[in-house]
């Protein structure tokens, strides 16, 4: 069997192939740990993150942030806080 790998941008949904076991292990790890996805360019990190975003589990709320351009821990924290505040403002409903 030949597997053709297509080089391109991040994949989503039906084009997300050959990573089911890795994603399953990742979700298992996320239940109890922090996870760092570290790999060379073009290895599929963004595609994996999109899969977590598109198919969240355990009632997790997945937030996608591009933090590549941030230069300090303080900038990261502010960016993350802004994203969380935005998410809660859009999804909050009074009880």
PDB file of N, CA and C in Angstrom:
ATOM      1  N   UNK A   1       0.841  -1.175   0.000  1.00  0.00           N
ATOM      2  CA  UNK A   1       0.000   0.000   0.000  1.00  0.00           C
ATOM      3  C   UNK A   1       0.881   1.231   0.000  1.00  0.00           C
ATOM      4  N   UNK A   2       0.602   2.140  -0.849  1.00  0.00           N
ATOM      5  CA  UNK A   2       1.355   3.389  -0.950  1.00  0.00           C
ATOM      6  C   UNK A   2       0.548   4.513  -0.308  1.00  0.00           C
ATOM      7  N   UNK A   3       1.222   5.312   0.502  1.00  0.00           N
ATOM      8  CA  UNK A   3       0.580   6.466   1.115  1.00  0.00           C
ATOM      9  C   UNK A   3       1.212   7.710   0.519  1.00  0.00           C
ATOM     10  N   UNK A   4       0.385   8.528  -0.111  1.00  0.00           N
ATOM     11  CA  UNK A   4       0.884   9.772  -0.687  1.00  0.00           C
ATOM     12  C   UNK A   4       0.680  10.899   0.308  1.00  0.00           C
ATOM     13  N   UNK A   5       1.753  11.583   0.646  1.00  0.00           N
ATOM     14  CA  UNK A   5       1.667  12.724   1.527  1.00  0.00           C
ATOM     15  C   UNK A   5       1.671  13.980   0.687  1.00  0.00           C
ATOM     16  N   UNK A   6       0.692  14.807   0.932  1.00  0.00           N
ATOM     17  CA  UNK A   6       0.559  16.043   0.174  1.00  0.00           C
ATOM     18  C   UNK A   6       1.075  17.183   1.031  1.00  0.00           C
ATOM     19  N   UNK A   7       1.984  17.928   0.488  1.00  0.00           N
ATOM     20  CA  UNK A   7       2.541  19.068   1.198  1.00  0.00           C
ATOM     21  C   UNK A   7       1.627  20.263   0.959  1.00  0.00           C
ATOM     22  N   UNK A   8       1.287  20.941   2.020  1.00  0.00           N
ATOM     23  CA  UNK A   8       0.410  22.098   1.906  1.00  0.00           C
ATOM     24  C   UNK A   8       0.213  22.705   3.281  1.00  0.00           C
ATOM     25  N   UNK A   9      -0.860  23.433   3.427  1.00  0.00           N
ATOM     26  CA  UNK A   9      -1.174  24.067   4.699  1.00  0.00           C
ATOM     27  C   UNK A   9      -1.730  23.060   5.692  1.00  0.00           C
ATOM     28  N   UNK A  10      -2.089  23.540   6.881  1.00  0.00           N
ATOM     29  CA  UNK A  10      -2.669  22.656   7.890  1.00  0.00           C
ATOM     30  C   UNK A  10      -3.938  21.983   7.360  1.00  0.00           C
ATOM     31  N   UNK A  11      -4.166  20.751   7.812  1.00  0.00           N
ATOM     32  CA  UNK A  11      -5.343  20.006   7.379  1.00  0.00           C
ATOM     33  C   UNK A  11      -6.393  20.002   8.469  1.00  0.00           C
ATOM     34  N   UNK A  12      -7.633  19.843   8.040  1.00  0.00           N
ATOM     35  CA  UNK A  12      -8.740  19.775   8.978  1.00  0.00           C
ATOM     36  C   UNK A  12      -9.725  18.716   8.522  1.00  0.00           C
ATOM     37  N   UNK A  13     -10.473  18.206   9.474  1.00  0.00           N
ATOM     38  CA  UNK A  13     -11.584  17.288   9.244  1.00  0.00           C
ATOM     39  C   UNK A  13     -11.194  16.083   8.399  1.00  0.00           C
ATOM     40  N   UNK A  14     -11.799  15.894   7.246  1.00  0.00           N
ATOM     41  CA  UNK A  14     -11.608  14.653   6.478  1.00  0.00           C
ATOM     42  C   UNK A  14     -10.188  14.497   5.952  1.00  0.00           C
ATOM     43  N   UNK A  15      -9.428  15.574   5.859  1.00  0.00           N
ATOM     44  CA  UNK A  15      -8.047  15.487   5.385  1.00  0.00           C
ATOM     45  C   UNK A  15      -7.049  15.200   6.508  1.00  0.00           C
ATOM     46  N   UNK A  16      -7.543  15.144   7.729  1.00  0.00           N
ATOM     47  CA  UNK A  16      -6.674  14.877   8.881  1.00  0.00           C
ATOM     48  C   UNK A  16      -6.512  13.360   9.011  1.00  0.00           C
ATOM     49  N   UNK A  17      -5.407  12.833   8.503  1.00  0.00           N
ATOM     50  CA  UNK A  17      -5.211  11.398   8.394  1.00  0.00           C
ATOM     51  C   UNK A  17      -3.985  10.924   9.163  1.00  0.00           C
ATOM     52  N   UNK A  18      -3.980   9.665   9.533  1.00  0.00           N
ATOM     53  CA  UNK A  18      -2.816   8.962  10.068  1.00  0.00           C
ATOM     54  C   UNK A  18      -2.364   9.445  11.446  1.00  0.00           C
ATOM     55  N   UNK A  19      -3.207  10.139  12.175  1.00  0.00           N
ATOM     56  CA  UNK A  19      -2.769  10.663  13.472  1.00  0.00           C
ATOM     57  C   UNK A  19      -3.724  10.296  14.606  1.00  0.00           C
ATOM     58  N   UNK A  20      -4.655   9.410  14.384  1.00  0.00           N
ATOM     59  CA  UNK A  20      -5.680   9.087  15.387  1.00  0.00           C
ATOM     60  C   UNK A  20      -5.061   8.601  16.692  1.00  0.00           C
ATOM     61  N   UNK A  21      -4.072   7.723  16.623  1.00  0.00           N
ATOM     62  CA  UNK A  21      -3.441   7.209  17.846  1.00  0.00           C
ATOM     63  C   UNK A  21      -2.730   8.320  18.605  1.00  0.00           C
ATOM     64  N   UNK A  22      -2.049   9.192  17.868  1.00  0.00           N
ATOM     65  CA  UNK A  22      -1.354  10.303  18.520  1.00  0.00           C
ATOM     66  C   UNK A  22      -2.344  11.233  19.217  1.00  0.00           C
ATOM     67  N   UNK A  23      -3.438  11.564  18.540  1.00  0.00           N
ATOM     68  CA  UNK A  23      -4.443  12.460  19.131  1.00  0.00           C
ATOM     69  C   UNK A  23      -5.076  11.810  20.361  1.00  0.00           C
ATOM     70  N   UNK A  24      -5.325  10.512  20.295  1.00  0.00           N
ATOM     71  CA  UNK A  24      -5.878   9.797  21.452  1.00  0.00           C
ATOM     72  C   UNK A  24      -4.924   9.887  22.638  1.00  0.00           C
ATOM     73  N   UNK A  25      -3.642   9.652  22.404  1.00  0.00           N
ATOM     74  CA  UNK A  25      -2.630   9.768  23.467  1.00  0.00           C
ATOM     75  C   UNK A  25      -2.554  11.198  23.994  1.00  0.00           C
ATOM     76  N   UNK A  26      -2.675  12.157  23.113  1.00  0.00           N
ATOM     77  CA  UNK A  26      -2.627  13.565  23.512  1.00  0.00           C
ATOM     78  C   UNK A  26      -3.792  13.910  24.438  1.00  0.00           C
ATOM     79  N   UNK A  27      -5.006  13.490  24.071  1.00  0.00           N
ATOM     80  CA  UNK A  27      -6.156  13.744  24.944  1.00  0.00           C
ATOM     81  C   UNK A  27      -5.971  13.072  26.300  1.00  0.00           C
ATOM     82  N   UNK A  28      -5.458  11.855  26.312  1.00  0.00           N
ATOM     83  CA  UNK A  28      -5.209  11.165  27.583  1.00  0.00           C
ATOM     84  C   UNK A  28      -4.220  11.949  28.440  1.00  0.00           C
ATOM     85  N   UNK A  29      -3.172  12.473  27.817  1.00  0.00           N
ATOM     86  CA  UNK A  29      -2.175  13.264  28.549  1.00  0.00           C
ATOM     87  C   UNK A  29      -2.771  14.561  29.072  1.00  0.00           C
ATOM     88  N   UNK A  30      -3.607  15.197  28.276  1.00  0.00           N
ATOM     89  CA  UNK A  30      -4.185  16.484  28.671  1.00  0.00           C
ATOM     90  C   UNK A  30      -5.124  16.378  29.869  1.00  0.00           C
ATOM     91  N   UNK A  31      -5.604  15.198  30.137  1.00  0.00           N
ATOM     92  CA  UNK A  31      -6.484  15.026  31.308  1.00  0.00           C
ATOM     93  C   UNK A  31      -5.738  15.276  32.609  1.00  0.00           C
ATOM     94  N   UNK A  32      -4.420  15.054  32.620  1.00  0.00           N
ATOM     95  CA  UNK A  32      -3.672  15.168  33.873  1.00  0.00           C
ATOM     96  C   UNK A  32      -2.399  15.999  33.765  1.00  0.00           C
ATOM     97  N   UNK A  33      -2.024  16.431  32.556  1.00  0.00           N
ATOM     98  CA  UNK A  33      -0.740  17.104  32.384  1.00  0.00           C
ATOM     99  C   UNK A  33      -0.852  18.275  31.417  1.00  0.00           C
ATOM    100  N   UNK A  34       0.177  19.099  31.432  1.00  0.00           N
ATOM    101  CA  UNK A  34       0.381  20.078  30.372  1.00  0.00           C
ATOM    102  C   UNK A  34       1.140  19.381  29.256  1.00  0.00           C
ATOM    103  N   UNK A  35       0.950  19.844  28.036  1.00  0.00           N
ATOM    104  CA  UNK A  35       1.598  19.209  26.892  1.00  0.00           C
ATOM    105  C   UNK A  35       2.260  20.275  26.038  1.00  0.00           C
ATOM    106  N   UNK A  36       3.460  19.988  25.580  1.00  0.00           N
ATOM    107  CA  UNK A  36       4.172  20.838  24.636  1.00  0.00           C
ATOM    108  C   UNK A  36       4.331  20.067  23.338  1.00  0.00           C
ATOM    109  N   UNK A  37       3.769  20.598  22.256  1.00  0.00           N
ATOM    110  CA  UNK A  37       3.972  19.997  20.936  1.00  0.00           C
ATOM    111  C   UNK A  37       5.202  20.652  20.339  1.00  0.00           C
ATOM    112  N   UNK A  38       6.260  19.896  20.236  1.00  0.00           N
ATOM    113  CA  UNK A  38       7.528  20.420  19.747  1.00  0.00           C
ATOM    114  C   UNK A  38       8.023  19.524  18.621  1.00  0.00           C
ATOM    115  N   UNK A  39       8.159  20.095  17.449  1.00  0.00           N
ATOM    116  CA  UNK A  39       8.621  19.341  16.285  1.00  0.00           C
ATOM    117  C   UNK A  39       9.117  20.343  15.246  1.00  0.00           C
ATOM    118  N   UNK A  40       9.899  19.874  14.298  1.00  0.00           N
ATOM    119  CA  UNK A  40      10.331  20.772  13.218  1.00  0.00           C
ATOM    120  C   UNK A  40       9.132  21.278  12.420  1.00  0.00           C
ATOM    121  N   UNK A  41       9.387  22.286  11.636  1.00  0.00           N
ATOM    122  CA  UNK A  41       8.348  22.836  10.761  1.00  0.00           C
ATOM    123  C   UNK A  41       7.755  21.740   9.880  1.00  0.00           C
ATOM    124  N   UNK A  42       6.469  21.920   9.572  1.00  0.00           N
ATOM    125  CA  UNK A  42       5.753  21.080   8.604  1.00  0.00           C
ATOM    126  C   UNK A  42       5.595  19.626   9.049  1.00  0.00           C
ATOM    127  N   UNK A  43       5.555  19.403  10.367  1.00  0.00           N
ATOM    128  CA  UNK A  43       5.362  18.047  10.878  1.00  0.00           C
ATOM    129  C   UNK A  43       3.918  17.796  11.316  1.00  0.00           C
ATOM    130  N   UNK A  44       3.053  18.806  11.257  1.00  0.00           N
ATOM    131  CA  UNK A  44       1.638  18.597  11.557  1.00  0.00           C
ATOM    132  C   UNK A  44       1.162  19.116  12.895  1.00  0.00           C
ATOM    133  N   UNK A  45       1.945  19.938  13.576  1.00  0.00           N
ATOM    134  CA  UNK A  45       1.532  20.458  14.885  1.00  0.00           C
ATOM    135  C   UNK A  45       0.240  21.270  14.785  1.00  0.00           C
ATOM    136  N   UNK A  46       0.152  22.155  13.805  1.00  0.00           N
ATOM    137  CA  UNK A  46      -1.042  22.989  13.652  1.00  0.00           C
ATOM    138  C   UNK A  46      -2.246  22.133  13.300  1.00  0.00           C
ATOM    139  N   UNK A  47      -2.069  21.130  12.462  1.00  0.00           N
ATOM    140  CA  UNK A  47      -3.177  20.237  12.114  1.00  0.00           C
ATOM    141  C   UNK A  47      -3.690  19.503  13.351  1.00  0.00           C
ATOM    142  N   UNK A  48      -2.786  19.063  14.215  1.00  0.00           N
ATOM    143  CA  UNK A  48      -3.189  18.398  15.453  1.00  0.00           C
ATOM    144  C   UNK A  48      -3.972  19.376  16.321  1.00  0.00           C
ATOM    145  N   UNK A  49      -3.490  20.598  16.433  1.00  0.00           N
ATOM    146  CA  UNK A  49      -4.202  21.588  17.242  1.00  0.00           C
ATOM    147  C   UNK A  49      -5.589  21.883  16.671  1.00  0.00           C
ATOM    148  N   UNK A  50      -5.698  21.989  15.359  1.00  0.00           N
ATOM    149  CA  UNK A  50      -7.016  22.193  14.744  1.00  0.00           C
ATOM    150  C   UNK A  50      -7.935  21.018  15.042  1.00  0.00           C
ATOM    151  N   UNK A  51      -7.396  19.796  15.078  1.00  0.00           N
ATOM    152  CA  UNK A  51      -8.218  18.643  15.400  1.00  0.00           C
ATOM    153  C   UNK A  51      -8.747  18.737  16.823  1.00  0.00           C
ATOM    154  N   UNK A  52      -7.910  19.167  17.759  1.00  0.00           N
ATOM    155  CA  UNK A  52      -8.376  19.351  19.139  1.00  0.00           C
ATOM    156  C   UNK A  52      -9.459  20.424  19.202  1.00  0.00           C
ATOM    157  N   UNK A  53      -9.291  21.477  18.429  1.00  0.00           N
ATOM    158  CA  UNK A  53     -10.260  22.570  18.391  1.00  0.00           C
ATOM    159  C   UNK A  53     -11.580  22.116  17.776  1.00  0.00           C
ATOM    160  N   UNK A  54     -11.508  21.355  16.693  1.00  0.00           N
ATOM    161  CA  UNK A  54     -12.708  20.918  15.966  1.00  0.00           C
ATOM    162  C   UNK A  54     -13.455  19.799  16.669  1.00  0.00           C
ATOM    163  N   UNK A  55     -12.746  19.010  17.486  1.00  0.00           N
ATOM    164  CA  UNK A  55     -13.377  17.864  18.139  1.00  0.00           C
ATOM    165  C   UNK A  55     -12.990  17.798  19.616  1.00  0.00           C
ATOM    166  N   UNK A  56     -13.408  18.800  20.403  1.00  0.00           N
ATOM    167  CA  UNK A  56     -13.021  18.813  21.821  1.00  0.00           C
ATOM    168  C   UNK A  56     -13.651  17.648  22.579  1.00  0.00           C
ATOM    169  N   UNK A  57     -13.012  17.269  23.653  1.00  0.00           N
ATOM    170  CA  UNK A  57     -13.493  16.176  24.503  1.00  0.00           C
ATOM    171  C   UNK A  57     -13.554  16.624  25.951  1.00  0.00           C
ATOM    172  N   UNK A  58     -14.187  15.806  26.770  1.00  0.00           N
ATOM    173  CA  UNK A  58     -14.228  15.989  28.226  1.00  0.00           C
ATOM    174  C   UNK A  58     -14.787  17.354  28.623  1.00  0.00           C
ATOM    175  N   UNK A  59     -15.660  17.920  27.831  1.00  0.00           N
ATOM    176  CA  UNK A  59     -16.209  19.260  28.097  1.00  0.00           C
ATOM    177  C   UNK A  59     -15.133  20.333  28.154  1.00  0.00           C
ATOM    178  N   UNK A  60     -13.983  20.092  27.524  1.00  0.00           N
ATOM    179  CA  UNK A  60     -12.925  21.094  27.452  1.00  0.00           C
ATOM    180  C   UNK A  60     -13.327  22.179  26.459  1.00  0.00           C
ATOM    181  N   UNK A  61     -12.917  23.380  26.736  1.00  0.00           N
ATOM    182  CA  UNK A  61     -13.076  24.487  25.813  1.00  0.00           C
ATOM    183  C   UNK A  61     -11.701  24.776  25.224  1.00  0.00           C
ATOM    184  N   UNK A  62     -11.522  24.470  23.970  1.00  0.00           N
ATOM    185  CA  UNK A  62     -10.225  24.618  23.316  1.00  0.00           C
ATOM    186  C   UNK A  62     -10.133  26.017  22.726  1.00  0.00           C
ATOM    187  N   UNK A  63      -9.026  26.690  22.996  1.00  0.00           N
ATOM    188  CA  UNK A  63      -8.797  28.043  22.492  1.00  0.00           C
ATOM    189  C   UNK A  63      -7.566  27.998  21.594  1.00  0.00           C
ATOM    190  N   UNK A  64      -7.702  28.544  20.399  1.00  0.00           N
ATOM    191  CA  UNK A  64      -6.579  28.571  19.453  1.00  0.00           C
ATOM    192  C   UNK A  64      -5.959  29.962  19.457  1.00  0.00           C
ATOM    193  N   UNK A  65      -4.667  30.032  19.707  1.00  0.00           N
ATOM    194  CA  UNK A  65      -3.943  31.304  19.699  1.00  0.00           C
ATOM    195  C   UNK A  65      -2.668  31.161  18.881  1.00  0.00           C
ATOM    196  N   UNK A  66      -2.400  32.127  18.055  1.00  0.00           N
ATOM    197  CA  UNK A  66      -1.105  32.192  17.387  1.00  0.00           C
ATOM    198  C   UNK A  66      -0.211  33.067  18.255  1.00  0.00           C
ATOM    199  N   UNK A  67       0.789  32.462  18.857  1.00  0.00           N
ATOM    200  CA  UNK A  67       1.652  33.194  19.791  1.00  0.00           C
ATOM    201  C   UNK A  67       3.086  33.312  19.289  1.00  0.00           C
ATOM    202  N   UNK A  68       3.294  32.934  18.044  1.00  0.00           N
ATOM    203  CA  UNK A  68       4.646  32.929  17.497  1.00  0.00           C
ATOM    204  C   UNK A  68       5.320  34.297  17.589  1.00  0.00           C
ATOM    205  N   UNK A  69       4.559  35.351  17.410  1.00  0.00           N
ATOM    206  CA  UNK A  69       5.137  36.696  17.368  1.00  0.00           C
ATOM    207  C   UNK A  69       5.332  37.307  18.759  1.00  0.00           C
ATOM    208  N   UNK A  70       4.813  36.691  19.800  1.00  0.00           N
ATOM    209  CA  UNK A  70       4.935  37.239  21.149  1.00  0.00           C
ATOM    210  C   UNK A  70       6.355  37.051  21.659  1.00  0.00           C
ATOM    211  N   UNK A  71       6.861  38.051  22.367  1.00  0.00           N
ATOM    212  CA  UNK A  71       8.268  38.029  22.754  1.00  0.00           C
ATOM    213  C   UNK A  71       8.521  37.865  24.241  1.00  0.00           C
ATOM    214  N   UNK A  72       7.486  37.994  25.063  1.00  0.00           N
ATOM    215  CA  UNK A  72       7.706  37.889  26.506  1.00  0.00           C
ATOM    216  C   UNK A  72       6.615  37.030  27.143  1.00  0.00           C
ATOM    217  N   UNK A  73       6.894  36.473  28.309  1.00  0.00           N
ATOM    218  CA  UNK A  73       5.841  35.746  29.028  1.00  0.00           C
ATOM    219  C   UNK A  73       4.650  36.644  29.364  1.00  0.00           C
ATOM    220  N   UNK A  74       4.928  37.918  29.644  1.00  0.00           N
ATOM    221  CA  UNK A  74       3.839  38.845  29.957  1.00  0.00           C
ATOM    222  C   UNK A  74       2.926  39.041  28.748  1.00  0.00           C
ATOM    223  N   UNK A  75       3.511  39.176  27.566  1.00  0.00           N
ATOM    224  CA  UNK A  75       2.706  39.336  26.350  1.00  0.00           C
ATOM    225  C   UNK A  75       1.863  38.083  26.101  1.00  0.00           C
ATOM    226  N   UNK A  76       2.450  36.903  26.352  1.00  0.00           N
ATOM    227  CA  UNK A  76       1.697  35.658  26.199  1.00  0.00           C
ATOM    228  C   UNK A  76       0.509  35.636  27.158  1.00  0.00           C
ATOM    229  N   UNK A  77       0.751  35.967  28.414  1.00  0.00           N
ATOM    230  CA  UNK A  77      -0.314  35.948  29.416  1.00  0.00           C
ATOM    231  C   UNK A  77      -1.442  36.907  29.037  1.00  0.00           C
ATOM    232  N   UNK A  78      -1.110  38.111  28.615  1.00  0.00           N
ATOM    233  CA  UNK A  78      -2.122  39.090  28.222  1.00  0.00           C
ATOM    234  C   UNK A  78      -2.910  38.594  27.016  1.00  0.00           C
ATOM    235  N   UNK A  79      -2.222  38.034  26.037  1.00  0.00           N
ATOM    236  CA  UNK A  79      -2.884  37.498  24.840  1.00  0.00           C
ATOM    237  C   UNK A  79      -3.838  36.363  25.215  1.00  0.00           C
ATOM    238  N   UNK A  80      -3.386  35.469  26.080  1.00  0.00           N
ATOM    239  CA  UNK A  80      -4.230  34.361  26.536  1.00  0.00           C
ATOM    240  C   UNK A  80      -5.433  34.875  27.320  1.00  0.00           C
ATOM    241  N   UNK A  81      -5.211  35.806  28.200  1.00  0.00           N
ATOM    242  CA  UNK A  81      -6.305  36.369  28.988  1.00  0.00           C
ATOM    243  C   UNK A  81      -7.330  37.059  28.099  1.00  0.00           C
ATOM    244  N   UNK A  82      -6.873  37.823  27.113  1.00  0.00           N
ATOM    245  CA  UNK A  82      -7.788  38.465  26.156  1.00  0.00           C
ATOM    246  C   UNK A  82      -8.639  37.425  25.430  1.00  0.00           C
ATOM    247  N   UNK A  83      -8.027  36.335  25.000  1.00  0.00           N
ATOM    248  CA  UNK A  83      -8.759  35.293  24.281  1.00  0.00           C
ATOM    249  C   UNK A  83      -9.799  34.629  25.176  1.00  0.00           C
ATOM    250  N   UNK A  84      -9.429  34.364  26.427  1.00  0.00           N
ATOM    251  CA  UNK A  84     -10.380  33.747  27.347  1.00  0.00           C
ATOM    252  C   UNK A  84     -11.528  34.686  27.676  1.00  0.00           C
ATOM    253  N   UNK A  85     -11.222  35.947  27.900  1.00  0.00           N
ATOM    254  CA  UNK A  85     -12.285  36.920  28.175  1.00  0.00           C
ATOM    255  C   UNK A  85     -13.227  37.049  26.987  1.00  0.00           C
ATOM    256  N   UNK A  86     -12.677  37.054  25.776  1.00  0.00           N
ATOM    257  CA  UNK A  86     -13.514  37.102  24.579  1.00  0.00           C
ATOM    258  C   UNK A  86     -14.399  35.863  24.501  1.00  0.00           C
ATOM    259  N   UNK A  87     -13.800  34.680  24.714  1.00  0.00           N
ATOM    260  CA  UNK A  87     -14.568  33.438  24.633  1.00  0.00           C
ATOM    261  C   UNK A  87     -15.726  33.467  25.625  1.00  0.00           C
ATOM    262  N   UNK A  88     -15.456  33.871  26.873  1.00  0.00           N
ATOM    263  CA  UNK A  88     -16.523  33.908  27.879  1.00  0.00           C
ATOM    264  C   UNK A  88     -17.580  34.952  27.545  1.00  0.00           C
ATOM    265  N   UNK A  89     -17.182  36.073  26.982  1.00  0.00           N
ATOM    266  CA  UNK A  89     -18.176  37.104  26.623  1.00  0.00           C
ATOM    267  C   UNK A  89     -19.100  36.637  25.515  1.00  0.00           C
ATOM    268  N   UNK A  90     -18.595  35.816  24.601  1.00  0.00           N
ATOM    269  CA  UNK A  90     -19.402  35.314  23.480  1.00  0.00           C
ATOM    270  C   UNK A  90     -20.272  34.139  23.922  1.00  0.00           C
ATOM    271  N   UNK A  91     -19.795  33.333  24.844  1.00  0.00           N
ATOM    272  CA  UNK A  91     -20.480  32.086  25.195  1.00  0.00           C
ATOM    273  C   UNK A  91     -21.226  32.115  26.520  1.00  0.00           C
ATOM    274  N   UNK A  92     -21.153  33.219  27.240  1.00  0.00           N
ATOM    275  CA  UNK A  92     -21.820  33.298  28.537  1.00  0.00           C
ATOM    276  C   UNK A  92     -23.318  33.518  28.359  1.00  0.00           C
ATOM    277  N   UNK A  93     -24.090  32.751  29.123  1.00  0.00           N
ATOM    278  CA  UNK A  93     -25.537  32.959  29.163  1.00  0.00           C
ATOM    279  C   UNK A  93     -25.968  32.989  30.611  1.00  0.00           C
ATOM    280  N   UNK A  94     -26.798  33.956  30.975  1.00  0.00           N
ATOM    281  CA  UNK A  94     -27.251  34.017  32.380  1.00  0.00           C
ATOM    282  C   UNK A  94     -28.109  32.805  32.730  1.00  0.00           C
ATOM    283  N   UNK A  95     -27.988  32.364  33.956  1.00  0.00           N
ATOM    284  CA  UNK A  95     -28.787  31.187  34.371  1.00  0.00           C
ATOM    285  C   UNK A  95     -30.123  31.562  34.944  1.00  0.00           C
TER     286      UNK A  95
END
